[in-house]
């Protein structure tokens, strides 16, 4: 059975204290040393931050969900690697999990910028207030918009989760941060539902949109069925409303 929880379960980050939180406190679940697809147009490394409050049924990184999981990575190790990649990499992307669950994220981003890298963020938009504080540190954001707001709980397992995600979208569009909105096809969706979502995003001002296939083989919910091919959905939406539209997967 798919469990639905309330928004009270959203905050997994460390509680703020009077002592400044340093980058050393960032909990890290993994590292991709080189990628050409996680920050459009840039050679990047990806830091996978540990912890996420949502339990999206198609999540393919379940090992990153537990904020308290023991990992072999430290910020010192990451920083040493990045210093070796100065003038070789263009950017560093903070991904997850959900990076904005962690209060040490801003300090880590600051140190990355000081090394001369552009900073990217993959986020589900769960914490718009924290995202607002990060805006001066960001060059690009990949924002997951999972559905229309009222349809979020069926995916995330968290009541009310659509509101902060769409608030984060509005925040990024207003701030004129470079942003790509990504939507993963949820099994059971119809082409008409996807077209409606795409139209709503375009109406909101989204210019870069990616439609992604659902990886049901590695999904958190083992009972998800495989949705039809992406072409089934793209044939019914007006991709011309976006400056840049792409698909990922089959």
C-alpha atoms as a PDB file:
ATOM      1  CA  UNK A   1       0.000   0.000   0.000  1.00  0.00           C
ATOM      2  CA  UNK A   2       1.256   3.482  -0.882  1.00  0.00           C
ATOM      3  CA  UNK A   3       1.393   5.606   2.287  1.00  0.00           C
ATOM      4  CA  UNK A   4       0.451   9.291   2.267  1.00  0.00           C
ATOM      5  CA  UNK A   5       2.004  11.470   4.970  1.00  0.00           C
ATOM      6  CA  UNK A   6       1.502  15.117   5.886  1.00  0.00           C
ATOM      7  CA  UNK A   7       3.661  18.141   5.198  1.00  0.00           C
ATOM      8  CA  UNK A   8       4.910  18.004   8.775  1.00  0.00           C
ATOM      9  CA  UNK A   9       7.251  15.259   7.629  1.00  0.00           C
ATOM     10  CA  UNK A  10       8.955  17.483   5.062  1.00  0.00           C
ATOM     11  CA  UNK A  11      11.845  18.965   7.045  1.00  0.00           C
ATOM     12  CA  UNK A  12      14.767  16.569   7.362  1.00  0.00           C
ATOM     13  CA  UNK A  13      17.471  19.232   7.514  1.00  0.00           C
ATOM     14  CA  UNK A  14      19.619  20.036  10.519  1.00  0.00           C
ATOM     15  CA  UNK A  15      17.973  22.574  12.802  1.00  0.00           C
ATOM     16  CA  UNK A  16      19.664  25.975  12.598  1.00  0.00           C
ATOM     17  CA  UNK A  17      21.843  26.838  15.579  1.00  0.00           C
ATOM     18  CA  UNK A  18      23.715  29.915  16.741  1.00  0.00           C
ATOM     19  CA  UNK A  19      26.903  28.292  15.427  1.00  0.00           C
ATOM     20  CA  UNK A  20      27.390  28.750  11.665  1.00  0.00           C
ATOM     21  CA  UNK A  21      26.968  25.500   9.733  1.00  0.00           C
ATOM     22  CA  UNK A  22      30.023  24.770   7.598  1.00  0.00           C
ATOM     23  CA  UNK A  23      30.338  22.809   4.382  1.00  0.00           C
ATOM     24  CA  UNK A  24      31.950  20.002   6.371  1.00  0.00           C
ATOM     25  CA  UNK A  25      28.489  19.155   7.707  1.00  0.00           C
ATOM     26  CA  UNK A  26      27.143  18.314   4.244  1.00  0.00           C
ATOM     27  CA  UNK A  27      26.054  14.677   4.113  1.00  0.00           C
ATOM     28  CA  UNK A  28      27.143  13.196   0.791  1.00  0.00           C
ATOM     29  CA  UNK A  29      25.903   9.955  -0.728  1.00  0.00           C
ATOM     30  CA  UNK A  30      28.012   9.837  -3.885  1.00  0.00           C
ATOM     31  CA  UNK A  31      29.924  11.613  -6.633  1.00  0.00           C
ATOM     32  CA  UNK A  32      29.902  11.550 -10.422  1.00  0.00           C
ATOM     33  CA  UNK A  33      33.293  12.814 -11.514  1.00  0.00           C
ATOM     34  CA  UNK A  34      32.371  13.827 -15.063  1.00  0.00           C
ATOM     35  CA  UNK A  35      29.079  14.322 -16.851  1.00  0.00           C
ATOM     36  CA  UNK A  36      27.945  16.154 -19.965  1.00  0.00           C
ATOM     37  CA  UNK A  37      24.200  15.776 -19.337  1.00  0.00           C
ATOM     38  CA  UNK A  38      23.530  17.030 -15.806  1.00  0.00           C
ATOM     39  CA  UNK A  39      24.327  20.701 -16.501  1.00  0.00           C
ATOM     40  CA  UNK A  40      23.394  21.610 -20.089  1.00  0.00           C
ATOM     41  CA  UNK A  41      26.351  22.753 -22.138  1.00  0.00           C
ATOM     42  CA  UNK A  42      28.926  22.320 -19.384  1.00  0.00           C
ATOM     43  CA  UNK A  43      31.384  19.663 -18.263  1.00  0.00           C
ATOM     44  CA  UNK A  44      30.372  19.000 -14.676  1.00  0.00           C
ATOM     45  CA  UNK A  45      30.791  16.885 -11.595  1.00  0.00           C
ATOM     46  CA  UNK A  46      27.711  15.885  -9.607  1.00  0.00           C
ATOM     47  CA  UNK A  47      27.594  15.710  -5.809  1.00  0.00           C
ATOM     48  CA  UNK A  48      24.740  13.538  -4.548  1.00  0.00           C
ATOM     49  CA  UNK A  49      23.440  14.874  -1.252  1.00  0.00           C
ATOM     50  CA  UNK A  50      22.003  12.439   1.268  1.00  0.00           C
ATOM     51  CA  UNK A  51      18.388  12.638   2.387  1.00  0.00           C
ATOM     52  CA  UNK A  52      14.934  13.349   0.971  1.00  0.00           C
ATOM     53  CA  UNK A  53      11.599  13.782   2.755  1.00  0.00           C
ATOM     54  CA  UNK A  54       9.511  12.598  -0.170  1.00  0.00           C
ATOM     55  CA  UNK A  55       9.029   8.990  -1.218  1.00  0.00           C
ATOM     56  CA  UNK A  56       8.317   9.313  -4.909  1.00  0.00           C
ATOM     57  CA  UNK A  57       7.091   6.021  -6.239  1.00  0.00           C
ATOM     58  CA  UNK A  58       9.406   6.114  -9.267  1.00  0.00           C
ATOM     59  CA  UNK A  59      12.489   7.250  -7.319  1.00  0.00           C
ATOM     60  CA  UNK A  60      15.515   5.381  -8.673  1.00  0.00           C
ATOM     61  CA  UNK A  61      17.953   6.499  -5.944  1.00  0.00           C
ATOM     62  CA  UNK A  62      16.442   4.936  -2.792  1.00  0.00           C
ATOM     63  CA  UNK A  63      19.877   4.684  -1.154  1.00  0.00           C
ATOM     64  CA  UNK A  64      19.912   8.484  -0.981  1.00  0.00           C
ATOM     65  CA  UNK A  65      16.585   8.862   0.859  1.00  0.00           C
ATOM     66  CA  UNK A  66      17.710   8.231   4.456  1.00  0.00           C
ATOM     67  CA  UNK A  67      19.335  11.434   5.776  1.00  0.00           C
ATOM     68  CA  UNK A  68      21.194   9.497   8.467  1.00  0.00           C
ATOM     69  CA  UNK A  69      22.618   6.758   6.252  1.00  0.00           C
ATOM     70  CA  UNK A  70      26.323   6.117   6.745  1.00  0.00           C
ATOM     71  CA  UNK A  71      28.365   6.999   3.668  1.00  0.00           C
ATOM     72  CA  UNK A  72      32.030   6.882   2.769  1.00  0.00           C
ATOM     73  CA  UNK A  73      32.121  10.453   1.484  1.00  0.00           C
ATOM     74  CA  UNK A  74      33.280  13.586   3.282  1.00  0.00           C
ATOM     75  CA  UNK A  75      33.321  17.203   2.160  1.00  0.00           C
ATOM     76  CA  UNK A  76      37.114  17.233   2.521  1.00  0.00           C
ATOM     77  CA  UNK A  77      37.359  14.394  -0.012  1.00  0.00           C
ATOM     78  CA  UNK A  78      35.045  16.194  -2.433  1.00  0.00           C
ATOM     79  CA  UNK A  79      36.907  19.453  -2.071  1.00  0.00           C
ATOM     80  CA  UNK A  80      40.271  17.798  -2.716  1.00  0.00           C
ATOM     81  CA  UNK A  81      38.873  16.249  -5.885  1.00  0.00           C
ATOM     82  CA  UNK A  82      37.471  19.562  -7.114  1.00  0.00           C
ATOM     83  CA  UNK A  83      40.763  21.348  -6.553  1.00  0.00           C
ATOM     84  CA  UNK A  84      42.354  18.785  -8.879  1.00  0.00           C
ATOM     85  CA  UNK A  85      39.714  19.549 -11.519  1.00  0.00           C
ATOM     86  CA  UNK A  86      40.047  23.320 -11.631  1.00  0.00           C
ATOM     87  CA  UNK A  87      40.322  24.499 -15.252  1.00  0.00           C
ATOM     88  CA  UNK A  88      39.186  21.028 -16.375  1.00  0.00           C
ATOM     89  CA  UNK A  89      35.546  21.088 -15.245  1.00  0.00           C
ATOM     90  CA  UNK A  90      33.154  23.960 -15.822  1.00  0.00           C
ATOM     91  CA  UNK A  91      30.564  23.320 -13.158  1.00  0.00           C
ATOM     92  CA  UNK A  92      29.496  21.392 -10.086  1.00  0.00           C
ATOM     93  CA  UNK A  93      25.915  20.191  -9.667  1.00  0.00           C
ATOM     94  CA  UNK A  94      24.382  19.459  -6.281  1.00  0.00           C
ATOM     95  CA  UNK A  95      21.854  16.652  -6.675  1.00  0.00           C
ATOM     96  CA  UNK A  96      20.304  14.026  -4.438  1.00  0.00           C
ATOM     97  CA  UNK A  97      18.247  12.957  -2.658  1.00  0.00           C
ATOM     98  CA  UNK A  98      17.085  16.512  -2.142  1.00  0.00           C
ATOM     99  CA  UNK A  99      20.014  18.880  -1.557  1.00  0.00           C
ATOM    100  CA  UNK A 100      17.930  21.640   0.005  1.00  0.00           C
ATOM    101  CA  UNK A 101      17.072  19.455   2.988  1.00  0.00           C
ATOM    102  CA  UNK A 102      20.554  20.295   4.269  1.00  0.00           C
ATOM    103  CA  UNK A 103      21.449  23.603   5.881  1.00  0.00           C
ATOM    104  CA  UNK A 104      25.124  23.084   4.983  1.00  0.00           C
ATOM    105  CA  UNK A 105      24.317  23.390   1.284  1.00  0.00           C
ATOM    106  CA  UNK A 106      24.901  27.147   1.038  1.00  0.00           C
ATOM    107  CA  UNK A 107      28.334  26.873   2.630  1.00  0.00           C
ATOM    108  CA  UNK A 108      29.285  24.069   0.245  1.00  0.00           C
ATOM    109  CA  UNK A 109      28.083  26.029  -2.778  1.00  0.00           C
ATOM    110  CA  UNK A 110      30.060  29.053  -1.622  1.00  0.00           C
ATOM    111  CA  UNK A 111      33.259  27.023  -1.454  1.00  0.00           C
ATOM    112  CA  UNK A 112      32.604  25.595  -4.917  1.00  0.00           C
ATOM    113  CA  UNK A 113      32.116  29.077  -6.365  1.00  0.00           C
ATOM    114  CA  UNK A 114      35.350  30.220  -4.711  1.00  0.00           C
ATOM    115  CA  UNK A 115      37.146  27.526  -6.702  1.00  0.00           C
ATOM    116  CA  UNK A 116      35.874  29.094  -9.910  1.00  0.00           C
ATOM    117  CA  UNK A 117      33.137  26.599 -10.818  1.00  0.00           C
ATOM    118  CA  UNK A 118      29.612  27.383 -11.927  1.00  0.00           C
ATOM    119  CA  UNK A 119      27.019  25.975  -9.538  1.00  0.00           C
ATOM    120  CA  UNK A 120      24.028  23.904 -10.609  1.00  0.00           C
ATOM    121  CA  UNK A 121      21.233  22.436  -8.513  1.00  0.00           C
ATOM    122  CA  UNK A 122      18.863  19.525  -9.056  1.00  0.00           C
ATOM    123  CA  UNK A 123      15.861  20.020  -6.788  1.00  0.00           C
ATOM    124  CA  UNK A 124      12.274  18.939  -6.315  1.00  0.00           C
ATOM    125  CA  UNK A 125      11.409  22.391  -4.983  1.00  0.00           C
ATOM    126  CA  UNK A 126      10.225  21.150  -1.595  1.00  0.00           C
ATOM    127  CA  UNK A 127      11.715  24.121   0.272  1.00  0.00           C
ATOM    128  CA  UNK A 128      11.084  27.397  -1.598  1.00  0.00           C
ATOM    129  CA  UNK A 129      12.246  29.565   1.324  1.00  0.00           C
ATOM    130  CA  UNK A 130      15.615  27.813   1.369  1.00  0.00           C
ATOM    131  CA  UNK A 131      15.802  27.955  -2.411  1.00  0.00           C
ATOM    132  CA  UNK A 132      15.294  31.723  -2.270  1.00  0.00           C
ATOM    133  CA  UNK A 133      18.329  32.057   0.007  1.00  0.00           C
ATOM    134  CA  UNK A 134      20.436  30.050  -2.451  1.00  0.00           C
ATOM    135  CA  UNK A 135      19.615  32.155  -5.522  1.00  0.00           C
ATOM    136  CA  UNK A 136      22.762  34.326  -5.354  1.00  0.00           C
ATOM    137  CA  UNK A 137      24.878  31.160  -5.444  1.00  0.00           C
ATOM    138  CA  UNK A 138      23.156  29.500  -8.418  1.00  0.00           C
ATOM    139  CA  UNK A 139      23.904  29.618 -12.135  1.00  0.00           C
ATOM    140  CA  UNK A 140      21.438  26.952 -13.281  1.00  0.00           C
ATOM    141  CA  UNK A 141      18.646  24.817 -11.788  1.00  0.00           C
ATOM    142  CA  UNK A 142      17.067  21.576 -12.923  1.00  0.00           C
ATOM    143  CA  UNK A 143      13.626  21.615 -11.263  1.00  0.00           C
ATOM    144  CA  UNK A 144      11.466  18.509 -11.067  1.00  0.00           C
ATOM    145  CA  UNK A 145       7.821  19.382 -11.546  1.00  0.00           C
ATOM    146  CA  UNK A 146       6.166  16.052 -10.982  1.00  0.00           C
ATOM    147  CA  UNK A 147       2.553  16.910 -11.743  1.00  0.00           C
ATOM    148  CA  UNK A 148      -0.088  19.560 -11.331  1.00  0.00           C
ATOM    149  CA  UNK A 149      -0.172  20.603  -7.648  1.00  0.00           C
ATOM    150  CA  UNK A 150      -3.173  18.527  -6.564  1.00  0.00           C
ATOM    151  CA  UNK A 151      -1.730  15.376  -8.131  1.00  0.00           C
ATOM    152  CA  UNK A 152       1.529  15.402  -6.161  1.00  0.00           C
ATOM    153  CA  UNK A 153       0.537  13.223  -3.161  1.00  0.00           C
ATOM    154  CA  UNK A 154      -0.138  10.214  -5.403  1.00  0.00           C
ATOM    155  CA  UNK A 155       3.515  10.406  -6.485  1.00  0.00           C
ATOM    156  CA  UNK A 156       5.411  11.770  -3.461  1.00  0.00           C
ATOM    157  CA  UNK A 157       3.389  10.235  -0.650  1.00  0.00           C
ATOM    158  CA  UNK A 158       3.192  13.664   1.028  1.00  0.00           C
ATOM    159  CA  UNK A 159      -0.014  15.678   1.313  1.00  0.00           C
ATOM    160  CA  UNK A 160       0.386  19.244   0.084  1.00  0.00           C
ATOM    161  CA  UNK A 161       3.752  18.644  -1.569  1.00  0.00           C
ATOM    162  CA  UNK A 162       2.650  20.219  -4.840  1.00  0.00           C
ATOM    163  CA  UNK A 163       2.312  23.686  -3.338  1.00  0.00           C
ATOM    164  CA  UNK A 164       5.977  24.246  -2.405  1.00  0.00           C
ATOM    165  CA  UNK A 165       7.166  22.722  -5.676  1.00  0.00           C
ATOM    166  CA  UNK A 166       5.102  25.127  -7.777  1.00  0.00           C
ATOM    167  CA  UNK A 167       6.042  27.997  -5.459  1.00  0.00           C
ATOM    168  CA  UNK A 168       9.676  27.154  -6.193  1.00  0.00           C
ATOM    169  CA  UNK A 169       8.939  27.263  -9.919  1.00  0.00           C
ATOM    170  CA  UNK A 170       7.385  30.726  -9.588  1.00  0.00           C
ATOM    171  CA  UNK A 171      10.373  31.866  -7.529  1.00  0.00           C
ATOM    172  CA  UNK A 172      12.900  30.721 -10.132  1.00  0.00           C
ATOM    173  CA  UNK A 173      10.988  32.220 -13.034  1.00  0.00           C
ATOM    174  CA  UNK A 174      10.689  35.543 -11.238  1.00  0.00           C
ATOM    175  CA  UNK A 175      14.403  35.518 -10.381  1.00  0.00           C
ATOM    176  CA  UNK A 176      15.251  34.817 -14.034  1.00  0.00           C
ATOM    177  CA  UNK A 177      17.595  32.002 -13.040  1.00  0.00           C
ATOM    178  CA  UNK A 178      18.391  29.631 -15.903  1.00  0.00           C
ATOM    179  CA  UNK A 179      16.074  26.696 -15.237  1.00  0.00           C
ATOM    180  CA  UNK A 180      15.065  23.491 -16.930  1.00  0.00           C
ATOM    181  CA  UNK A 181      11.818  21.928 -15.772  1.00  0.00           C
ATOM    182  CA  UNK A 182      11.788  18.134 -15.918  1.00  0.00           C
ATOM    183  CA  UNK A 183       8.738  15.887 -15.635  1.00  0.00           C
ATOM    184  CA  UNK A 184       8.862  12.108 -15.362  1.00  0.00           C
ATOM    185  CA  UNK A 185       5.922  10.233 -16.873  1.00  0.00           C
ATOM    186  CA  UNK A 186       3.969   8.622 -14.050  1.00  0.00           C
ATOM    187  CA  UNK A 187       2.527   5.210 -14.959  1.00  0.00           C
ATOM    188  CA  UNK A 188      -1.187   5.543 -15.525  1.00  0.00           C
ATOM    189  CA  UNK A 189      -1.049   9.026 -16.992  1.00  0.00           C
ATOM    190  CA  UNK A 190      -2.848   9.715 -20.249  1.00  0.00           C
ATOM    191  CA  UNK A 191      -1.481  11.831 -23.126  1.00  0.00           C
ATOM    192  CA  UNK A 192      -4.173  14.407 -22.370  1.00  0.00           C
ATOM    193  CA  UNK A 193      -2.971  14.754 -18.772  1.00  0.00           C
ATOM    194  CA  UNK A 194       0.624  15.261 -19.888  1.00  0.00           C
ATOM    195  CA  UNK A 195      -0.477  17.802 -22.496  1.00  0.00           C
ATOM    196  CA  UNK A 196      -2.402  19.719 -19.836  1.00  0.00           C
ATOM    197  CA  UNK A 197       0.643  19.776 -17.560  1.00  0.00           C
ATOM    198  CA  UNK A 198       2.882  20.978 -20.389  1.00  0.00           C
ATOM    199  CA  UNK A 199       0.384  23.696 -21.300  1.00  0.00           C
ATOM    200  CA  UNK A 200       0.226  24.862 -17.671  1.00  0.00           C
ATOM    201  CA  UNK A 201       4.021  25.040 -17.504  1.00  0.00           C
ATOM    202  CA  UNK A 202       4.206  27.023 -20.737  1.00  0.00           C
ATOM    203  CA  UNK A 203       1.500  29.386 -19.480  1.00  0.00           C
ATOM    204  CA  UNK A 204       3.571  29.923 -16.316  1.00  0.00           C
ATOM    205  CA  UNK A 205       6.545  31.038 -18.399  1.00  0.00           C
ATOM    206  CA  UNK A 206       8.664  27.882 -18.582  1.00  0.00           C
ATOM    207  CA  UNK A 207      10.915  27.968 -21.655  1.00  0.00           C
ATOM    208  CA  UNK A 208      13.050  24.837 -21.169  1.00  0.00           C
ATOM    209  CA  UNK A 209      11.146  21.602 -20.608  1.00  0.00           C
ATOM    210  CA  UNK A 210      12.258  17.967 -20.551  1.00  0.00           C
ATOM    211  CA  UNK A 211       9.909  14.992 -20.557  1.00  0.00           C
ATOM    212  CA  UNK A 212      11.490  11.914 -19.015  1.00  0.00           C
ATOM    213  CA  UNK A 213      10.681   8.213 -19.246  1.00  0.00           C
ATOM    214  CA  UNK A 214       9.934   6.400 -16.015  1.00  0.00           C
ATOM    215  CA  UNK A 215      12.502   3.808 -14.951  1.00  0.00           C
ATOM    216  CA  UNK A 216      10.191   1.251 -13.353  1.00  0.00           C
ATOM    217  CA  UNK A 217      12.910  -1.403 -13.104  1.00  0.00           C
ATOM    218  CA  UNK A 218      14.760   0.516 -10.382  1.00  0.00           C
ATOM    219  CA  UNK A 219      11.733   2.323  -8.918  1.00  0.00           C
ATOM    220  CA  UNK A 220      11.080   2.588  -5.193  1.00  0.00           C
ATOM    221  CA  UNK A 221       7.597   1.181  -5.787  1.00  0.00           C
ATOM    222  CA  UNK A 222       8.128  -2.268  -7.326  1.00  0.00           C
ATOM    223  CA  UNK A 223       4.489  -2.467  -8.401  1.00  0.00           C
ATOM    224  CA  UNK A 224       4.616   0.366 -10.929  1.00  0.00           C
ATOM    225  CA  UNK A 225       3.706  -0.665 -14.445  1.00  0.00           C
ATOM    226  CA  UNK A 226       5.769   0.447 -17.412  1.00  0.00           C
ATOM    227  CA  UNK A 227       4.162   3.450 -19.143  1.00  0.00           C
ATOM    228  CA  UNK A 228       3.914   3.725 -22.934  1.00  0.00           C
ATOM    229  CA  UNK A 229       6.819   5.105 -24.948  1.00  0.00           C
ATOM    230  CA  UNK A 230       7.450   8.849 -24.690  1.00  0.00           C
ATOM    231  CA  UNK A 231       6.373   9.302 -28.313  1.00  0.00           C
ATOM    232  CA  UNK A 232       2.838   8.442 -27.203  1.00  0.00           C
ATOM    233  CA  UNK A 233       2.825  11.595 -25.080  1.00  0.00           C
ATOM    234  CA  UNK A 234       4.900  13.986 -27.173  1.00  0.00           C
ATOM    235  CA  UNK A 235       2.554  13.529 -30.108  1.00  0.00           C
ATOM    236  CA  UNK A 236      -0.216  15.194 -28.086  1.00  0.00           C
ATOM    237  CA  UNK A 237       1.567  18.216 -26.609  1.00  0.00           C
ATOM    238  CA  UNK A 238       2.517  21.510 -28.195  1.00  0.00           C
ATOM    239  CA  UNK A 239       6.306  21.413 -27.831  1.00  0.00           C
ATOM    240  CA  UNK A 240       6.565  24.565 -29.922  1.00  0.00           C
ATOM    241  CA  UNK A 241       5.495  26.607 -26.908  1.00  0.00           C
ATOM    242  CA  UNK A 242       8.925  25.974 -25.371  1.00  0.00           C
ATOM    243  CA  UNK A 243      12.184  27.535 -26.510  1.00  0.00           C
ATOM    244  CA  UNK A 244      13.835  24.197 -25.839  1.00  0.00           C
ATOM    245  CA  UNK A 245      11.990  20.893 -25.518  1.00  0.00           C
ATOM    246  CA  UNK A 246      13.679  17.523 -25.120  1.00  0.00           C
ATOM    247  CA  UNK A 247      12.920  13.964 -24.099  1.00  0.00           C
ATOM    248  CA  UNK A 248      15.048  11.602 -22.035  1.00  0.00           C
ATOM    249  CA  UNK A 249      14.657   7.849 -22.147  1.00  0.00           C
ATOM    250  CA  UNK A 250      12.496   5.844 -24.498  1.00  0.00           C
END
